[in-house]
Amino acid sequence: MEKKDHGGLRFGVVAVEKGFINADQLMEALKTQVEDNLKGAEHRLVGMILLDMGLLTLEQIDEILQELKSGAQ
C-alpha cells in the first residue's frame, strides 16, 4: 500500500481522507473556529471542536496526529 505524503496537510484534511468525517462536517468545525475567534473566545483546535461536536474520538484524533507526525519526517 502506497504511503500518502501528508507533509503540509492539515488536520481536517486528513480526518476527511480517513473517512472519520465528511467535508461538510469539517467546514462546520472551521466555521465554528472562525466564529469563536471573531468573538474573542479562546482559540480551539479543529480536532477539539470536532471532539466537542461528537464527530471524532480521542483515538481518532491520536491516529490523525500520528499520521501527520510521520508525514512531517
C-alpha atoms as a PDB file:
ATOM      1  CA  MET A   1       0.000   0.000   0.000  1.00  0.00           C
ATOM      2  CA  GLU A   2       1.404   3.375  -1.003  1.00  0.00           C
ATOM      3  CA  LYS A   3       2.041   5.759   1.868  1.00  0.00           C
ATOM      4  CA  LYS A   4       0.423   9.141   1.362  1.00  0.00           C
ATOM      5  CA  ASP A   5       2.574  12.215   1.808  1.00  0.00           C
ATOM      6  CA  HIS A   6       0.873  14.355   4.423  1.00  0.00           C
ATOM      7  CA  GLY A   7       3.631  16.943   4.651  1.00  0.00           C
ATOM      8  CA  GLY A   8       1.794  20.228   4.765  1.00  0.00           C
ATOM      9  CA  LEU A   9      -1.694  18.742   5.030  1.00  0.00           C
ATOM     10  CA  ARG A  10      -3.908  19.995   7.773  1.00  0.00           C
ATOM     11  CA  PHE A  11      -5.624  18.018  10.491  1.00  0.00           C
ATOM     12  CA  GLY A  12      -9.098  18.330   8.974  1.00  0.00           C
ATOM     13  CA  VAL A  13      -7.998  17.196   5.525  1.00  0.00           C
ATOM     14  CA  VAL A  14      -6.504  14.016   6.982  1.00  0.00           C
ATOM     15  CA  ALA A  15      -9.670  13.417   9.035  1.00  0.00           C
ATOM     16  CA  VAL A  16     -11.734  13.586   5.837  1.00  0.00           C
ATOM     17  CA  GLU A  17      -9.284  11.402   3.887  1.00  0.00           C
ATOM     18  CA  LYS A  18      -9.503   8.751   6.611  1.00  0.00           C
ATOM     19  CA  GLY A  19     -13.297   8.825   6.412  1.00  0.00           C
ATOM     20  CA  PHE A  20     -13.717   9.928  10.038  1.00  0.00           C
ATOM     21  CA  ILE A  21     -15.732  12.998   8.984  1.00  0.00           C
ATOM     22  CA  ASN A  22     -17.062  14.419   5.735  1.00  0.00           C
ATOM     23  CA  ALA A  23     -16.245  17.751   4.108  1.00  0.00           C
ATOM     24  CA  ASP A  24     -19.438  19.400   5.378  1.00  0.00           C
ATOM     25  CA  GLN A  25     -18.570  18.447   8.956  1.00  0.00           C
ATOM     26  CA  LEU A  26     -15.064  19.861   8.527  1.00  0.00           C
ATOM     27  CA  MET A  27     -16.482  23.103   7.145  1.00  0.00           C
ATOM     28  CA  GLU A  28     -18.849  23.373  10.114  1.00  0.00           C
ATOM     29  CA  ALA A  29     -15.947  22.921  12.544  1.00  0.00           C
ATOM     30  CA  LEU A  30     -13.867  25.523  10.696  1.00  0.00           C
ATOM     31  CA  LYS A  31     -16.822  27.912  10.733  1.00  0.00           C
ATOM     32  CA  THR A  32     -17.150  27.407  14.487  1.00  0.00           C
ATOM     33  CA  GLN A  33     -13.430  28.043  14.924  1.00  0.00           C
ATOM     34  CA  VAL A  34     -13.571  31.325  12.987  1.00  0.00           C
ATOM     35  CA  GLU A  35     -16.733  32.484  14.765  1.00  0.00           C
ATOM     36  CA  ASP A  36     -15.148  31.761  18.163  1.00  0.00           C
ATOM     37  CA  ASN A  37     -12.017  33.678  17.157  1.00  0.00           C
ATOM     38  CA  LEU A  38     -14.049  36.661  15.969  1.00  0.00           C
ATOM     39  CA  LYS A  39     -15.935  36.716  19.280  1.00  0.00           C
ATOM     40  CA  GLY A  40     -12.621  36.838  21.129  1.00  0.00           C
ATOM     41  CA  ALA A  41     -13.133  33.390  22.637  1.00  0.00           C
ATOM     42  CA  GLU A  42     -10.142  31.208  23.401  1.00  0.00           C
ATOM     43  CA  HIS A  43      -8.754  29.616  20.226  1.00  0.00           C
ATOM     44  CA  ARG A  44      -9.700  25.948  19.871  1.00  0.00           C
ATOM     45  CA  LEU A  45      -8.045  23.473  17.561  1.00  0.00           C
ATOM     46  CA  VAL A  46     -10.224  21.908  14.863  1.00  0.00           C
ATOM     47  CA  GLY A  47      -9.719  18.467  16.380  1.00  0.00           C
ATOM     48  CA  MET A  48     -11.059  19.625  19.726  1.00  0.00           C
ATOM     49  CA  ILE A  49     -14.054  21.261  18.069  1.00  0.00           C
ATOM     50  CA  LEU A  50     -14.804  18.015  16.223  1.00  0.00           C
ATOM     51  CA  LEU A  51     -14.434  16.113  19.506  1.00  0.00           C
ATOM     52  CA  ASP A  52     -16.843  18.524  21.231  1.00  0.00           C
ATOM     53  CA  MET A  53     -19.280  18.069  18.330  1.00  0.00           C
ATOM     54  CA  GLY A  54     -19.152  14.310  18.906  1.00  0.00           C
ATOM     55  CA  LEU A  55     -17.719  13.672  15.444  1.00  0.00           C
ATOM     56  CA  LEU A  56     -14.267  12.401  16.452  1.00  0.00           C
ATOM     57  CA  THR A  57     -12.993  10.262  19.300  1.00  0.00           C
ATOM     58  CA  LEU A  58      -9.737  10.811  21.159  1.00  0.00           C
ATOM     59  CA  GLU A  59      -8.429   7.662  19.474  1.00  0.00           C
ATOM     60  CA  GLN A  60      -9.191   9.070  16.022  1.00  0.00           C
ATOM     61  CA  ILE A  61      -7.512  12.367  16.925  1.00  0.00           C
ATOM     62  CA  ASP A  62      -4.437  10.473  18.047  1.00  0.00           C
ATOM     63  CA  GLU A  63      -4.402   8.451  14.803  1.00  0.00           C
ATOM     64  CA  ILE A  64      -4.574  11.637  12.716  1.00  0.00           C
ATOM     65  CA  LEU A  65      -1.826  13.307  14.741  1.00  0.00           C
ATOM     66  CA  GLN A  66       0.400  10.242  14.390  1.00  0.00           C
ATOM     67  CA  GLU A  67      -0.115  10.270  10.628  1.00  0.00           C
ATOM     68  CA  LEU A  68       0.674  13.979  10.436  1.00  0.00           C
ATOM     69  CA  LYS A  69       3.767  13.458  12.574  1.00  0.00           C
ATOM     70  CA  SER A  70       5.028  10.570  10.455  1.00  0.00           C
ATOM     71  CA  GLY A  71       4.410  12.567   7.276  1.00  0.00           C
ATOM     72  CA  ALA A  72       6.420  15.500   8.597  1.00  0.00           C
ATOM     73  CA  GLN A  73       9.609  13.454   8.953  1.00  0.00           C
END
